[in-house]
Amino acid sequence: MATFAIAGGHGKIALLLSRTLSSAGHDVRGIIRNPDQRTDLHAHGATDILLDLEKTDVDTLAEALKGVDGVVFAAGAGPGSGADRKLTVDRDAAVLLGKAAVAAGVRRYVLISSIGVTTPLDEVEDEVFRVYLEAKRQAEEGVRGLDLDWTIIRPGSLTDDAGSGSVTLPLEDTRGPIPRGDVANVIAAVLDRGDLAGVTFTALSGETAIDAALDALAR
C-alpha cells in the first residue's frame, strides 16, 4: 500500500478521496492549516499535517512529505475570497507543493485544476473569476515545468449528487457537471497509474466506467 498527502485536506473532494484511499488500505495525510479540522480528517481515515501553505516554505513542506509516494493538490481559496488569495493559494501553493515534492523525492503529483482555464481572459467579465482562471492556468504551467510525474485534472461543475462511477474524460477544456464523489474516484484511480503521467484532461459525468475512460487516455 502507498502513502499519499492531500493539500487542502478538509475540502469536500479531499475528504471523499481520503475515505476512498484509506478504505483501500493506503496511508492518507491531509495538509490543513486549521487544527479544528483534524476531527473531520480522522473520521475520513486521514491523519493530519498541520501547515499553512500560504506561509510555509519549500524545505518545511518537503520535510513533511518525507515517506510520501504521491501528492494531490486539492486546495483552493474558495468562494468569496479575493483576487489576492486566488494567486497565493490556487497558483502559488500548487507550485510550492510541486517544488516540495521534488525536494522530498516524491514523483507522483495530481493537480486538481478547473474547467475554463483556456478561456480567453478578455471574455471573462468578472475580475476575481478572471484572476482565478489565470491563477489555475499558471499553476498548470508551473507544475508542468517541474521534474514530476504529474497529471492535471480539470473537474466540471461540481455537484453533491451520488457518484455513478461512470464519466467522460475529454482532453479538451469543455463544460458539464460531475459529482464530487466521481472526481474523488477518478483521482484515486489516477494515483495508481503511472501511464497517465504527463496527461491533462477534463472530468465530467458520462457513460464510461472510470477505469475504461482512463485506459483511453493512457500514454
N, C-alpha and C. Protein backbone atom coordinates (compact mmCIF):
# COMPACT_ATOMS: atom_id res chain seq x y z
N MET A 1 0.83 -1.19 0.00
CA MET A 1 0.00 0.00 0.00
C MET A 1 0.87 1.25 0.00
N ALA A 2 0.31 2.35 -0.43
CA ALA A 2 1.07 3.58 -0.62
C ALA A 2 0.67 4.64 0.41
N THR A 3 1.48 5.70 0.45
CA THR A 3 1.21 6.84 1.32
C THR A 3 0.99 8.07 0.45
N PHE A 4 -0.13 8.76 0.68
CA PHE A 4 -0.46 9.94 -0.12
C PHE A 4 -0.73 11.14 0.79
N ALA A 5 -0.34 12.31 0.32
CA ALA A 5 -0.62 13.57 1.02
C ALA A 5 -1.54 14.41 0.14
N ILE A 6 -2.56 14.99 0.77
CA ILE A 6 -3.55 15.79 0.04
C ILE A 6 -3.53 17.21 0.58
N ALA A 7 -3.12 18.16 -0.25
CA ALA A 7 -3.17 19.58 0.12
C ALA A 7 -4.62 20.05 0.01
N GLY A 8 -5.05 20.82 1.01
CA GLY A 8 -6.46 21.17 1.06
C GLY A 8 -7.26 20.00 1.59
N GLY A 9 -6.72 19.34 2.61
CA GLY A 9 -7.25 18.07 3.06
C GLY A 9 -8.65 18.10 3.63
N HIS A 10 -9.16 19.29 3.96
CA HIS A 10 -10.51 19.38 4.54
C HIS A 10 -11.57 19.69 3.50
N GLY A 11 -11.19 19.87 2.25
CA GLY A 11 -12.18 20.14 1.20
C GLY A 11 -13.08 18.94 0.97
N LYS A 12 -14.21 19.20 0.32
CA LYS A 12 -15.19 18.12 0.12
C LYS A 12 -14.62 16.98 -0.72
N ILE A 13 -13.95 17.32 -1.82
CA ILE A 13 -13.35 16.27 -2.64
C ILE A 13 -12.25 15.57 -1.87
N ALA A 14 -11.44 16.33 -1.15
CA ALA A 14 -10.31 15.75 -0.42
C ALA A 14 -10.79 14.75 0.64
N LEU A 15 -11.85 15.08 1.35
CA LEU A 15 -12.36 14.16 2.37
C LEU A 15 -12.91 12.88 1.74
N LEU A 16 -13.62 13.02 0.63
CA LEU A 16 -14.10 11.83 -0.07
C LEU A 16 -12.93 10.99 -0.58
N LEU A 17 -11.90 11.65 -1.09
CA LEU A 17 -10.72 10.95 -1.57
C LEU A 17 -10.00 10.24 -0.41
N SER A 18 -9.92 10.91 0.73
CA SER A 18 -9.28 10.29 1.90
C SER A 18 -9.99 9.01 2.29
N ARG A 19 -11.30 9.06 2.29
CA ARG A 19 -12.07 7.86 2.65
C ARG A 19 -11.84 6.74 1.63
N THR A 20 -11.84 7.10 0.35
CA THR A 20 -11.63 6.10 -0.70
C THR A 20 -10.25 5.46 -0.59
N LEU A 21 -9.24 6.27 -0.42
CA LEU A 21 -7.87 5.76 -0.36
C LEU A 21 -7.63 4.97 0.92
N SER A 22 -8.10 5.48 2.05
CA SER A 22 -7.88 4.78 3.31
C SER A 22 -8.65 3.45 3.34
N SER A 23 -9.83 3.42 2.73
CA SER A 23 -10.60 2.18 2.67
C SER A 23 -9.89 1.11 1.85
N ALA A 24 -9.05 1.58 0.91
CA ALA A 24 -8.27 0.64 0.10
C ALA A 24 -6.97 0.24 0.77
N GLY A 25 -6.75 0.73 2.00
CA GLY A 25 -5.57 0.34 2.75
C GLY A 25 -4.40 1.29 2.69
N HIS A 26 -4.57 2.43 2.00
CA HIS A 26 -3.48 3.40 1.89
C HIS A 26 -3.38 4.28 3.13
N ASP A 27 -2.20 4.82 3.34
CA ASP A 27 -1.94 5.80 4.40
C ASP A 27 -2.20 7.18 3.80
N VAL A 28 -3.14 7.92 4.35
CA VAL A 28 -3.54 9.22 3.80
C VAL A 28 -3.24 10.32 4.82
N ARG A 29 -2.62 11.39 4.33
CA ARG A 29 -2.27 12.52 5.19
C ARG A 29 -2.84 13.80 4.57
N GLY A 30 -3.70 14.47 5.31
CA GLY A 30 -4.30 15.69 4.81
C GLY A 30 -3.56 16.92 5.32
N ILE A 31 -3.18 17.79 4.39
CA ILE A 31 -2.50 19.03 4.77
C ILE A 31 -3.56 20.09 5.05
N ILE A 32 -3.61 20.57 6.30
CA ILE A 32 -4.59 21.56 6.72
C ILE A 32 -3.89 22.65 7.51
N ARG A 33 -4.53 23.81 7.61
CA ARG A 33 -3.94 24.87 8.42
C ARG A 33 -4.72 25.11 9.71
N ASN A 34 -5.93 24.57 9.78
CA ASN A 34 -6.80 24.79 10.94
C ASN A 34 -6.86 23.51 11.77
N PRO A 35 -6.33 23.52 13.00
CA PRO A 35 -6.34 22.30 13.82
C PRO A 35 -7.74 21.81 14.15
N ASP A 36 -8.74 22.69 14.09
CA ASP A 36 -10.11 22.27 14.36
C ASP A 36 -10.64 21.28 13.33
N GLN A 37 -9.95 21.18 12.19
CA GLN A 37 -10.40 20.28 11.13
C GLN A 37 -9.87 18.85 11.28
N ARG A 38 -9.03 18.65 12.28
CA ARG A 38 -8.43 17.33 12.46
C ARG A 38 -9.47 16.23 12.65
N THR A 39 -10.51 16.53 13.43
CA THR A 39 -11.52 15.52 13.72
C THR A 39 -12.17 15.00 12.44
N ASP A 40 -12.49 15.93 11.51
CA ASP A 40 -13.10 15.52 10.24
C ASP A 40 -12.14 14.66 9.43
N LEU A 41 -10.86 15.04 9.40
CA LEU A 41 -9.89 14.25 8.66
C LEU A 41 -9.81 12.83 9.22
N HIS A 42 -9.72 12.73 10.55
CA HIS A 42 -9.58 11.42 11.17
C HIS A 42 -10.81 10.56 10.91
N ALA A 43 -11.99 11.20 10.88
CA ALA A 43 -13.23 10.47 10.62
C ALA A 43 -13.26 9.89 9.22
N HIS A 44 -12.50 10.50 8.30
CA HIS A 44 -12.44 10.02 6.92
C HIS A 44 -11.20 9.18 6.65
N GLY A 45 -10.50 8.79 7.71
CA GLY A 45 -9.38 7.86 7.55
C GLY A 45 -8.04 8.48 7.32
N ALA A 46 -7.93 9.81 7.47
CA ALA A 46 -6.66 10.50 7.21
C ALA A 46 -6.05 11.01 8.51
N THR A 47 -4.73 11.05 8.55
CA THR A 47 -4.03 11.78 9.59
C THR A 47 -3.77 13.19 9.07
N ASP A 48 -3.28 14.06 9.94
CA ASP A 48 -3.14 15.45 9.52
C ASP A 48 -1.69 15.91 9.50
N ILE A 49 -1.41 16.80 8.56
CA ILE A 49 -0.18 17.58 8.51
C ILE A 49 -0.60 19.03 8.68
N LEU A 50 -0.24 19.63 9.80
CA LEU A 50 -0.69 20.99 10.10
C LEU A 50 0.31 21.99 9.55
N LEU A 51 -0.04 22.58 8.39
CA LEU A 51 0.82 23.56 7.73
C LEU A 51 -0.05 24.55 6.97
N ASP A 52 0.32 25.81 6.99
CA ASP A 52 -0.35 26.84 6.19
C ASP A 52 0.43 27.00 4.89
N LEU A 53 -0.13 26.56 3.79
CA LEU A 53 0.59 26.59 2.52
C LEU A 53 0.87 28.01 2.03
N GLU A 54 0.18 28.99 2.57
CA GLU A 54 0.46 30.38 2.20
C GLU A 54 1.61 30.97 3.00
N LYS A 55 2.05 30.27 4.04
CA LYS A 55 3.07 30.83 4.92
C LYS A 55 4.31 29.95 5.08
N THR A 56 4.24 28.71 4.60
CA THR A 56 5.38 27.81 4.75
C THR A 56 6.36 27.98 3.61
N ASP A 57 7.44 27.20 3.63
CA ASP A 57 8.44 27.26 2.56
C ASP A 57 8.70 25.86 2.02
N VAL A 58 9.47 25.78 0.97
CA VAL A 58 9.72 24.51 0.30
C VAL A 58 10.35 23.49 1.24
N ASP A 59 11.36 23.92 2.00
CA ASP A 59 12.08 22.97 2.86
C ASP A 59 11.18 22.40 3.95
N THR A 60 10.36 23.26 4.56
CA THR A 60 9.47 22.80 5.62
C THR A 60 8.44 21.82 5.08
N LEU A 61 7.87 22.16 3.93
CA LEU A 61 6.88 21.27 3.32
C LEU A 61 7.51 19.98 2.86
N ALA A 62 8.71 20.06 2.30
CA ALA A 62 9.40 18.84 1.87
C ALA A 62 9.67 17.91 3.03
N GLU A 63 10.00 18.45 4.17
CA GLU A 63 10.22 17.62 5.36
C GLU A 63 8.95 16.88 5.74
N ALA A 64 7.81 17.57 5.61
CA ALA A 64 6.52 16.95 5.95
C ALA A 64 6.12 15.88 4.95
N LEU A 65 6.72 15.92 3.74
CA LEU A 65 6.37 14.95 2.70
C LEU A 65 7.30 13.74 2.67
N LYS A 66 8.22 13.66 3.60
CA LYS A 66 9.12 12.50 3.62
C LYS A 66 8.34 11.21 3.80
N GLY A 67 8.64 10.21 2.98
CA GLY A 67 7.96 8.93 3.05
C GLY A 67 6.68 8.86 2.27
N VAL A 68 6.32 9.96 1.58
CA VAL A 68 5.08 10.00 0.80
C VAL A 68 5.35 9.50 -0.61
N ASP A 69 4.40 8.75 -1.16
CA ASP A 69 4.54 8.22 -2.52
C ASP A 69 3.90 9.09 -3.59
N GLY A 70 2.94 9.91 -3.21
CA GLY A 70 2.27 10.78 -4.18
C GLY A 70 1.53 11.90 -3.46
N VAL A 71 1.37 13.02 -4.15
CA VAL A 71 0.68 14.16 -3.56
C VAL A 71 -0.46 14.59 -4.48
N VAL A 72 -1.49 15.16 -3.86
CA VAL A 72 -2.64 15.69 -4.59
C VAL A 72 -2.84 17.14 -4.15
N PHE A 73 -2.96 18.04 -5.12
CA PHE A 73 -3.29 19.42 -4.77
C PHE A 73 -4.78 19.61 -4.99
N ALA A 74 -5.51 19.66 -3.87
CA ALA A 74 -6.96 19.85 -3.91
C ALA A 74 -7.37 21.10 -3.14
N ALA A 75 -6.40 21.98 -2.90
CA ALA A 75 -6.68 23.20 -2.15
C ALA A 75 -7.26 24.27 -3.07
N GLY A 76 -7.87 25.27 -2.47
CA GLY A 76 -8.40 26.40 -3.23
C GLY A 76 -8.77 27.51 -2.27
N ALA A 77 -8.69 28.74 -2.76
CA ALA A 77 -9.04 29.88 -1.92
C ALA A 77 -10.51 29.86 -1.54
N GLY A 78 -11.34 29.27 -2.40
CA GLY A 78 -12.75 29.11 -2.06
C GLY A 78 -13.62 30.29 -2.45
N PRO A 79 -14.93 30.08 -2.47
CA PRO A 79 -15.88 31.13 -2.83
C PRO A 79 -15.79 32.29 -1.84
N GLY A 80 -15.91 33.48 -2.36
CA GLY A 80 -15.91 34.66 -1.52
C GLY A 80 -14.53 35.23 -1.24
N SER A 81 -13.49 34.50 -1.63
CA SER A 81 -12.14 35.02 -1.43
C SER A 81 -11.79 36.01 -2.54
N GLY A 82 -10.87 36.91 -2.23
CA GLY A 82 -10.49 37.94 -3.18
C GLY A 82 -9.43 37.48 -4.16
N ALA A 83 -9.09 38.38 -5.07
CA ALA A 83 -8.13 38.05 -6.12
C ALA A 83 -6.76 37.67 -5.56
N ASP A 84 -6.34 38.33 -4.49
CA ASP A 84 -5.02 38.05 -3.94
C ASP A 84 -4.87 36.59 -3.53
N ARG A 85 -5.91 36.03 -2.88
CA ARG A 85 -5.81 34.66 -2.41
C ARG A 85 -5.96 33.65 -3.55
N LYS A 86 -6.57 34.06 -4.64
CA LYS A 86 -6.57 33.17 -5.81
C LYS A 86 -5.12 32.93 -6.26
N LEU A 87 -4.30 33.96 -6.13
CA LEU A 87 -2.91 33.83 -6.54
C LEU A 87 -2.08 33.07 -5.51
N THR A 88 -2.27 33.40 -4.22
CA THR A 88 -1.42 32.77 -3.20
C THR A 88 -1.79 31.32 -2.93
N VAL A 89 -3.06 30.94 -3.15
CA VAL A 89 -3.47 29.56 -2.92
C VAL A 89 -3.53 28.78 -4.23
N ASP A 90 -4.39 29.20 -5.14
CA ASP A 90 -4.64 28.41 -6.35
C ASP A 90 -3.42 28.33 -7.27
N ARG A 91 -2.58 29.34 -7.24
CA ARG A 91 -1.36 29.30 -8.06
C ARG A 91 -0.13 28.96 -7.22
N ASP A 92 0.21 29.84 -6.28
CA ASP A 92 1.49 29.71 -5.59
C ASP A 92 1.58 28.44 -4.76
N ALA A 93 0.52 28.09 -4.04
CA ALA A 93 0.57 26.89 -3.20
C ALA A 93 0.67 25.63 -4.04
N ALA A 94 0.04 25.64 -5.21
CA ALA A 94 0.13 24.47 -6.09
C ALA A 94 1.56 24.24 -6.56
N VAL A 95 2.23 25.32 -6.93
CA VAL A 95 3.61 25.20 -7.39
C VAL A 95 4.54 24.88 -6.23
N LEU A 96 4.26 25.48 -5.07
CA LEU A 96 5.06 25.18 -3.87
C LEU A 96 5.00 23.69 -3.54
N LEU A 97 3.81 23.11 -3.61
CA LEU A 97 3.69 21.67 -3.34
C LEU A 97 4.52 20.86 -4.32
N GLY A 98 4.51 21.28 -5.57
CA GLY A 98 5.32 20.59 -6.57
C GLY A 98 6.81 20.68 -6.28
N LYS A 99 7.28 21.87 -5.92
CA LYS A 99 8.70 22.05 -5.62
C LYS A 99 9.09 21.25 -4.38
N ALA A 100 8.20 21.21 -3.40
CA ALA A 100 8.48 20.44 -2.19
C ALA A 100 8.50 18.95 -2.49
N ALA A 101 7.61 18.52 -3.39
CA ALA A 101 7.61 17.11 -3.79
C ALA A 101 8.94 16.74 -4.45
N VAL A 102 9.42 17.59 -5.33
CA VAL A 102 10.72 17.35 -5.97
C VAL A 102 11.81 17.24 -4.92
N ALA A 103 11.81 18.18 -3.98
CA ALA A 103 12.84 18.20 -2.94
C ALA A 103 12.77 16.96 -2.04
N ALA A 104 11.56 16.43 -1.85
CA ALA A 104 11.38 15.27 -0.99
C ALA A 104 11.53 13.95 -1.75
N GLY A 105 11.73 14.02 -3.06
CA GLY A 105 11.86 12.81 -3.86
C GLY A 105 10.54 12.14 -4.18
N VAL A 106 9.44 12.91 -4.12
CA VAL A 106 8.11 12.39 -4.45
C VAL A 106 7.83 12.68 -5.92
N ARG A 107 7.63 11.67 -6.73
CA ARG A 107 7.47 11.91 -8.16
C ARG A 107 6.01 12.13 -8.59
N ARG A 108 5.07 11.45 -7.93
CA ARG A 108 3.69 11.48 -8.41
C ARG A 108 2.96 12.69 -7.87
N TYR A 109 2.38 13.47 -8.77
CA TYR A 109 1.68 14.71 -8.40
C TYR A 109 0.40 14.80 -9.24
N VAL A 110 -0.74 14.91 -8.56
CA VAL A 110 -2.01 15.11 -9.24
C VAL A 110 -2.53 16.50 -8.87
N LEU A 111 -2.69 17.33 -9.86
CA LEU A 111 -3.17 18.71 -9.67
C LEU A 111 -4.64 18.79 -10.06
N ILE A 112 -5.48 19.24 -9.12
CA ILE A 112 -6.88 19.49 -9.42
C ILE A 112 -7.00 20.93 -9.87
N SER A 113 -7.25 21.11 -11.14
CA SER A 113 -7.33 22.44 -11.74
C SER A 113 -8.79 22.84 -11.91
N SER A 114 -9.15 23.40 -13.04
CA SER A 114 -10.52 23.88 -13.25
C SER A 114 -10.84 23.90 -14.74
N ILE A 115 -12.10 23.63 -15.05
CA ILE A 115 -12.53 23.90 -16.42
C ILE A 115 -12.45 25.41 -16.65
N GLY A 116 -12.31 25.79 -17.90
CA GLY A 116 -12.29 27.21 -18.25
C GLY A 116 -10.92 27.85 -18.29
N VAL A 117 -9.87 27.10 -17.97
CA VAL A 117 -8.55 27.73 -17.91
C VAL A 117 -8.04 28.16 -19.29
N THR A 118 -8.60 27.60 -20.34
CA THR A 118 -8.17 28.00 -21.69
C THR A 118 -9.05 29.11 -22.27
N THR A 119 -10.03 29.58 -21.49
CA THR A 119 -10.91 30.65 -21.96
C THR A 119 -10.11 31.94 -22.13
N PRO A 120 -10.21 32.63 -23.26
CA PRO A 120 -9.54 33.93 -23.40
C PRO A 120 -9.99 34.87 -22.27
N LEU A 121 -9.03 35.47 -21.59
CA LEU A 121 -9.37 36.26 -20.41
C LEU A 121 -10.21 37.48 -20.73
N ASP A 122 -10.11 37.99 -21.95
CA ASP A 122 -10.92 39.17 -22.30
C ASP A 122 -12.39 38.82 -22.46
N GLU A 123 -12.71 37.50 -22.41
CA GLU A 123 -14.11 37.07 -22.46
C GLU A 123 -14.71 36.88 -21.08
N VAL A 124 -13.90 37.06 -20.04
CA VAL A 124 -14.36 36.85 -18.66
C VAL A 124 -14.61 38.21 -18.02
N GLU A 125 -15.86 38.50 -17.72
CA GLU A 125 -16.22 39.82 -17.22
C GLU A 125 -15.88 40.01 -15.75
N ASP A 126 -16.11 38.99 -14.94
CA ASP A 126 -15.87 39.13 -13.51
C ASP A 126 -14.37 39.14 -13.22
N GLU A 127 -13.91 40.20 -12.55
CA GLU A 127 -12.47 40.37 -12.35
C GLU A 127 -11.87 39.27 -11.48
N VAL A 128 -12.53 38.93 -10.38
CA VAL A 128 -11.98 37.91 -9.49
C VAL A 128 -11.95 36.55 -10.18
N PHE A 129 -13.01 36.23 -10.93
CA PHE A 129 -13.03 34.96 -11.64
C PHE A 129 -11.95 34.92 -12.72
N ARG A 130 -11.69 36.07 -13.32
CA ARG A 130 -10.63 36.15 -14.32
C ARG A 130 -9.27 35.85 -13.68
N VAL A 131 -9.03 36.41 -12.51
CA VAL A 131 -7.79 36.15 -11.79
C VAL A 131 -7.70 34.67 -11.40
N TYR A 132 -8.84 34.10 -10.98
CA TYR A 132 -8.88 32.69 -10.60
C TYR A 132 -8.47 31.80 -11.77
N LEU A 133 -9.05 32.03 -12.94
CA LEU A 133 -8.72 31.21 -14.10
C LEU A 133 -7.25 31.38 -14.49
N GLU A 134 -6.75 32.60 -14.41
CA GLU A 134 -5.34 32.83 -14.74
C GLU A 134 -4.44 32.15 -13.71
N ALA A 135 -4.85 32.18 -12.43
CA ALA A 135 -4.07 31.51 -11.39
C ALA A 135 -4.00 30.01 -11.64
N LYS A 136 -5.13 29.41 -12.02
CA LYS A 136 -5.16 27.98 -12.32
C LYS A 136 -4.30 27.67 -13.54
N ARG A 137 -4.37 28.53 -14.55
CA ARG A 137 -3.56 28.30 -15.75
C ARG A 137 -2.06 28.37 -15.42
N GLN A 138 -1.69 29.35 -14.61
CA GLN A 138 -0.29 29.48 -14.25
C GLN A 138 0.17 28.35 -13.34
N ALA A 139 -0.75 27.85 -12.50
CA ALA A 139 -0.42 26.68 -11.68
C ALA A 139 -0.13 25.48 -12.56
N GLU A 140 -0.97 25.27 -13.57
CA GLU A 140 -0.73 24.16 -14.50
C GLU A 140 0.64 24.31 -15.16
N GLU A 141 0.94 25.50 -15.65
CA GLU A 141 2.23 25.72 -16.31
C GLU A 141 3.39 25.49 -15.35
N GLY A 142 3.23 25.96 -14.12
CA GLY A 142 4.29 25.80 -13.14
C GLY A 142 4.56 24.35 -12.81
N VAL A 143 3.51 23.57 -12.66
CA VAL A 143 3.67 22.15 -12.34
C VAL A 143 4.25 21.39 -13.53
N ARG A 144 3.82 21.73 -14.73
CA ARG A 144 4.35 21.05 -15.92
C ARG A 144 5.85 21.29 -16.07
N GLY A 145 6.34 22.38 -15.53
CA GLY A 145 7.76 22.71 -15.65
C GLY A 145 8.65 22.04 -14.62
N LEU A 146 8.06 21.26 -13.73
CA LEU A 146 8.84 20.59 -12.69
C LEU A 146 9.11 19.14 -13.06
N ASP A 147 10.17 18.58 -12.49
CA ASP A 147 10.56 17.20 -12.77
C ASP A 147 9.70 16.27 -11.92
N LEU A 148 8.46 16.08 -12.36
CA LEU A 148 7.46 15.28 -11.65
C LEU A 148 6.69 14.42 -12.64
N ASP A 149 6.11 13.36 -12.14
CA ASP A 149 5.15 12.57 -12.92
C ASP A 149 3.76 13.14 -12.62
N TRP A 150 3.46 14.23 -13.29
CA TRP A 150 2.23 14.96 -12.98
C TRP A 150 1.07 14.53 -13.86
N THR A 151 -0.13 14.65 -13.31
CA THR A 151 -1.37 14.53 -14.07
C THR A 151 -2.25 15.69 -13.64
N ILE A 152 -2.87 16.36 -14.59
CA ILE A 152 -3.73 17.50 -14.29
C ILE A 152 -5.17 17.15 -14.64
N ILE A 153 -6.05 17.31 -13.65
CA ILE A 153 -7.47 17.01 -13.83
C ILE A 153 -8.26 18.30 -13.71
N ARG A 154 -9.12 18.56 -14.70
CA ARG A 154 -9.99 19.74 -14.68
C ARG A 154 -11.43 19.29 -14.46
N PRO A 155 -11.90 19.25 -13.21
CA PRO A 155 -13.27 18.81 -12.98
C PRO A 155 -14.29 19.81 -13.53
N GLY A 156 -15.44 19.28 -13.93
CA GLY A 156 -16.53 20.14 -14.37
C GLY A 156 -17.22 20.81 -13.20
N SER A 157 -18.41 21.30 -13.41
CA SER A 157 -19.18 21.94 -12.35
C SER A 157 -19.54 20.89 -11.30
N LEU A 158 -19.14 21.13 -10.07
CA LEU A 158 -19.24 20.11 -9.04
C LEU A 158 -20.64 20.06 -8.43
N THR A 159 -21.12 18.83 -8.20
CA THR A 159 -22.41 18.63 -7.55
C THR A 159 -22.22 17.67 -6.38
N ASP A 160 -23.21 17.63 -5.51
CA ASP A 160 -23.19 16.70 -4.39
C ASP A 160 -24.04 15.46 -4.66
N ASP A 161 -24.40 15.25 -5.93
CA ASP A 161 -25.13 14.04 -6.29
C ASP A 161 -24.27 12.81 -5.99
N ALA A 162 -24.92 11.68 -5.81
CA ALA A 162 -24.18 10.43 -5.62
C ALA A 162 -23.36 10.11 -6.86
N GLY A 163 -22.12 9.71 -6.66
CA GLY A 163 -21.29 9.33 -7.80
C GLY A 163 -21.82 8.08 -8.47
N SER A 164 -21.72 8.06 -9.79
CA SER A 164 -22.24 6.92 -10.55
C SER A 164 -21.15 5.92 -10.91
N GLY A 165 -19.88 6.36 -10.85
CA GLY A 165 -18.79 5.50 -11.29
C GLY A 165 -18.56 5.54 -12.78
N SER A 166 -19.37 6.35 -13.48
CA SER A 166 -19.22 6.50 -14.94
C SER A 166 -18.95 7.95 -15.28
N VAL A 167 -18.03 8.17 -16.22
CA VAL A 167 -17.56 9.52 -16.52
C VAL A 167 -17.30 9.66 -18.02
N THR A 168 -17.01 10.89 -18.40
CA THR A 168 -16.37 11.15 -19.69
C THR A 168 -15.16 12.01 -19.40
N LEU A 169 -14.04 11.70 -20.03
CA LEU A 169 -12.77 12.35 -19.72
C LEU A 169 -12.14 12.93 -20.99
N PRO A 170 -12.70 14.01 -21.51
CA PRO A 170 -12.16 14.58 -22.74
C PRO A 170 -10.84 15.30 -22.50
N LEU A 171 -10.01 15.34 -23.51
CA LEU A 171 -8.76 16.09 -23.42
C LEU A 171 -8.99 17.59 -23.52
N GLU A 172 -10.05 17.97 -24.25
CA GLU A 172 -10.30 19.40 -24.42
C GLU A 172 -10.94 19.99 -23.17
N ASP A 173 -10.76 21.29 -23.01
CA ASP A 173 -11.33 22.04 -21.89
C ASP A 173 -12.78 22.36 -22.22
N THR A 174 -13.69 21.55 -21.70
CA THR A 174 -15.10 21.71 -22.01
C THR A 174 -15.91 21.70 -20.73
N ARG A 175 -17.22 21.93 -20.83
CA ARG A 175 -18.03 22.14 -19.63
C ARG A 175 -19.06 21.04 -19.44
N GLY A 176 -19.53 20.93 -18.19
CA GLY A 176 -20.53 19.96 -17.82
C GLY A 176 -20.42 19.67 -16.35
N PRO A 177 -21.40 18.98 -15.76
CA PRO A 177 -21.38 18.69 -14.33
C PRO A 177 -20.67 17.37 -14.03
N ILE A 178 -20.32 17.21 -12.76
CA ILE A 178 -19.80 15.94 -12.27
C ILE A 178 -19.93 15.91 -10.75
N PRO A 179 -20.40 14.81 -10.17
CA PRO A 179 -20.45 14.70 -8.71
C PRO A 179 -19.04 14.67 -8.11
N ARG A 180 -18.91 15.25 -6.94
CA ARG A 180 -17.61 15.25 -6.26
C ARG A 180 -17.13 13.82 -6.00
N GLY A 181 -18.06 12.91 -5.73
CA GLY A 181 -17.67 11.53 -5.48
C GLY A 181 -16.99 10.90 -6.68
N ASP A 182 -17.47 11.22 -7.87
CA ASP A 182 -16.82 10.68 -9.07
C ASP A 182 -15.45 11.31 -9.28
N VAL A 183 -15.31 12.60 -8.96
CA VAL A 183 -13.99 13.23 -9.06
C VAL A 183 -13.01 12.54 -8.13
N ALA A 184 -13.44 12.29 -6.89
CA ALA A 184 -12.58 11.62 -5.93
C ALA A 184 -12.16 10.24 -6.42
N ASN A 185 -13.08 9.51 -7.02
CA ASN A 185 -12.76 8.17 -7.52
C ASN A 185 -11.82 8.22 -8.73
N VAL A 186 -11.97 9.25 -9.55
CA VAL A 186 -11.04 9.43 -10.67
C VAL A 186 -9.63 9.70 -10.14
N ILE A 187 -9.53 10.59 -9.15
CA ILE A 187 -8.21 10.91 -8.58
C ILE A 187 -7.58 9.65 -8.00
N ALA A 188 -8.35 8.88 -7.23
CA ALA A 188 -7.82 7.67 -6.61
C ALA A 188 -7.29 6.71 -7.67
N ALA A 189 -8.01 6.57 -8.75
CA ALA A 189 -7.58 5.68 -9.83
C ALA A 189 -6.33 6.21 -10.52
N VAL A 190 -6.27 7.53 -10.72
CA VAL A 190 -5.12 8.14 -11.39
C VAL A 190 -3.85 7.95 -10.56
N LEU A 191 -3.96 8.06 -9.25
CA LEU A 191 -2.78 7.91 -8.39
C LEU A 191 -2.13 6.55 -8.55
N ASP A 192 -2.89 5.59 -8.97
CA ASP A 192 -2.40 4.21 -9.09
C ASP A 192 -1.85 3.90 -10.47
N ARG A 193 -1.80 4.93 -11.34
CA ARG A 193 -1.44 4.68 -12.74
C ARG A 193 -0.31 5.58 -13.21
N GLY A 194 0.86 4.99 -13.42
CA GLY A 194 1.97 5.74 -13.95
C GLY A 194 1.82 6.08 -15.42
N ASP A 195 0.93 5.36 -16.14
CA ASP A 195 0.78 5.61 -17.56
C ASP A 195 -0.04 6.86 -17.86
N LEU A 196 -0.47 7.58 -16.81
CA LEU A 196 -1.20 8.84 -17.00
C LEU A 196 -0.34 10.04 -16.66
N ALA A 197 0.95 9.82 -16.40
CA ALA A 197 1.86 10.94 -16.17
C ALA A 197 1.98 11.78 -17.44
N GLY A 198 1.90 13.09 -17.28
CA GLY A 198 2.01 14.00 -18.41
C GLY A 198 0.71 14.24 -19.15
N VAL A 199 -0.42 13.78 -18.58
CA VAL A 199 -1.72 13.91 -19.24
C VAL A 199 -2.57 14.97 -18.52
N THR A 200 -3.22 15.83 -19.29
CA THR A 200 -4.19 16.80 -18.78
C THR A 200 -5.55 16.48 -19.38
N PHE A 201 -6.57 16.38 -18.53
CA PHE A 201 -7.90 16.05 -19.05
C PHE A 201 -8.99 16.69 -18.20
N THR A 202 -10.18 16.77 -18.79
CA THR A 202 -11.37 17.26 -18.10
C THR A 202 -12.16 16.07 -17.58
N ALA A 203 -12.80 16.23 -16.42
CA ALA A 203 -13.61 15.15 -15.84
C ALA A 203 -15.06 15.60 -15.74
N LEU A 204 -15.94 14.90 -16.45
CA LEU A 204 -17.37 15.21 -16.48
C LEU A 204 -18.16 13.92 -16.27
N SER A 205 -19.42 14.08 -15.92
CA SER A 205 -20.30 12.91 -15.88
C SER A 205 -20.42 12.30 -17.27
N GLY A 206 -20.60 10.99 -17.32
CA GLY A 206 -20.69 10.32 -18.62
C GLY A 206 -21.19 8.91 -18.48
N GLU A 207 -20.90 8.11 -19.50
CA GLU A 207 -21.43 6.75 -19.56
C GLU A 207 -20.35 5.69 -19.53
N THR A 208 -19.09 6.10 -19.33
CA THR A 208 -17.98 5.15 -19.38
C THR A 208 -17.43 4.90 -17.99
N ALA A 209 -17.22 3.64 -17.64
CA ALA A 209 -16.63 3.31 -16.35
C ALA A 209 -15.28 4.00 -16.20
N ILE A 210 -14.96 4.41 -14.98
CA ILE A 210 -13.76 5.22 -14.75
C ILE A 210 -12.50 4.55 -15.28
N ASP A 211 -12.29 3.29 -14.96
CA ASP A 211 -11.06 2.63 -15.41
C ASP A 211 -10.97 2.59 -16.92
N ALA A 212 -12.08 2.33 -17.58
CA ALA A 212 -12.08 2.28 -19.05
C ALA A 212 -11.82 3.65 -19.63
N ALA A 213 -12.39 4.69 -19.04
CA ALA A 213 -12.16 6.05 -19.52
C ALA A 213 -10.69 6.44 -19.37
N LEU A 214 -10.08 6.02 -18.27
CA LEU A 214 -8.66 6.31 -18.06
C LEU A 214 -7.78 5.50 -19.01
N ASP A 215 -8.19 4.27 -19.29
CA ASP A 215 -7.44 3.46 -20.26
C ASP A 215 -7.32 4.18 -21.59
N ALA A 216 -8.38 4.88 -21.98
CA ALA A 216 -8.38 5.57 -23.28
C ALA A 216 -7.44 6.76 -23.30
N LEU A 217 -7.07 7.26 -22.10
CA LEU A 217 -6.17 8.41 -22.00
C LEU A 217 -4.71 7.99 -21.83
N ALA A 218 -4.47 6.74 -21.50
CA ALA A 218 -3.14 6.29 -21.12
C ALA A 218 -2.15 6.51 -22.25
N ARG A 219 -0.97 6.93 -21.87
CA ARG A 219 0.07 7.22 -22.87
C ARG A 219 0.84 5.94 -23.21
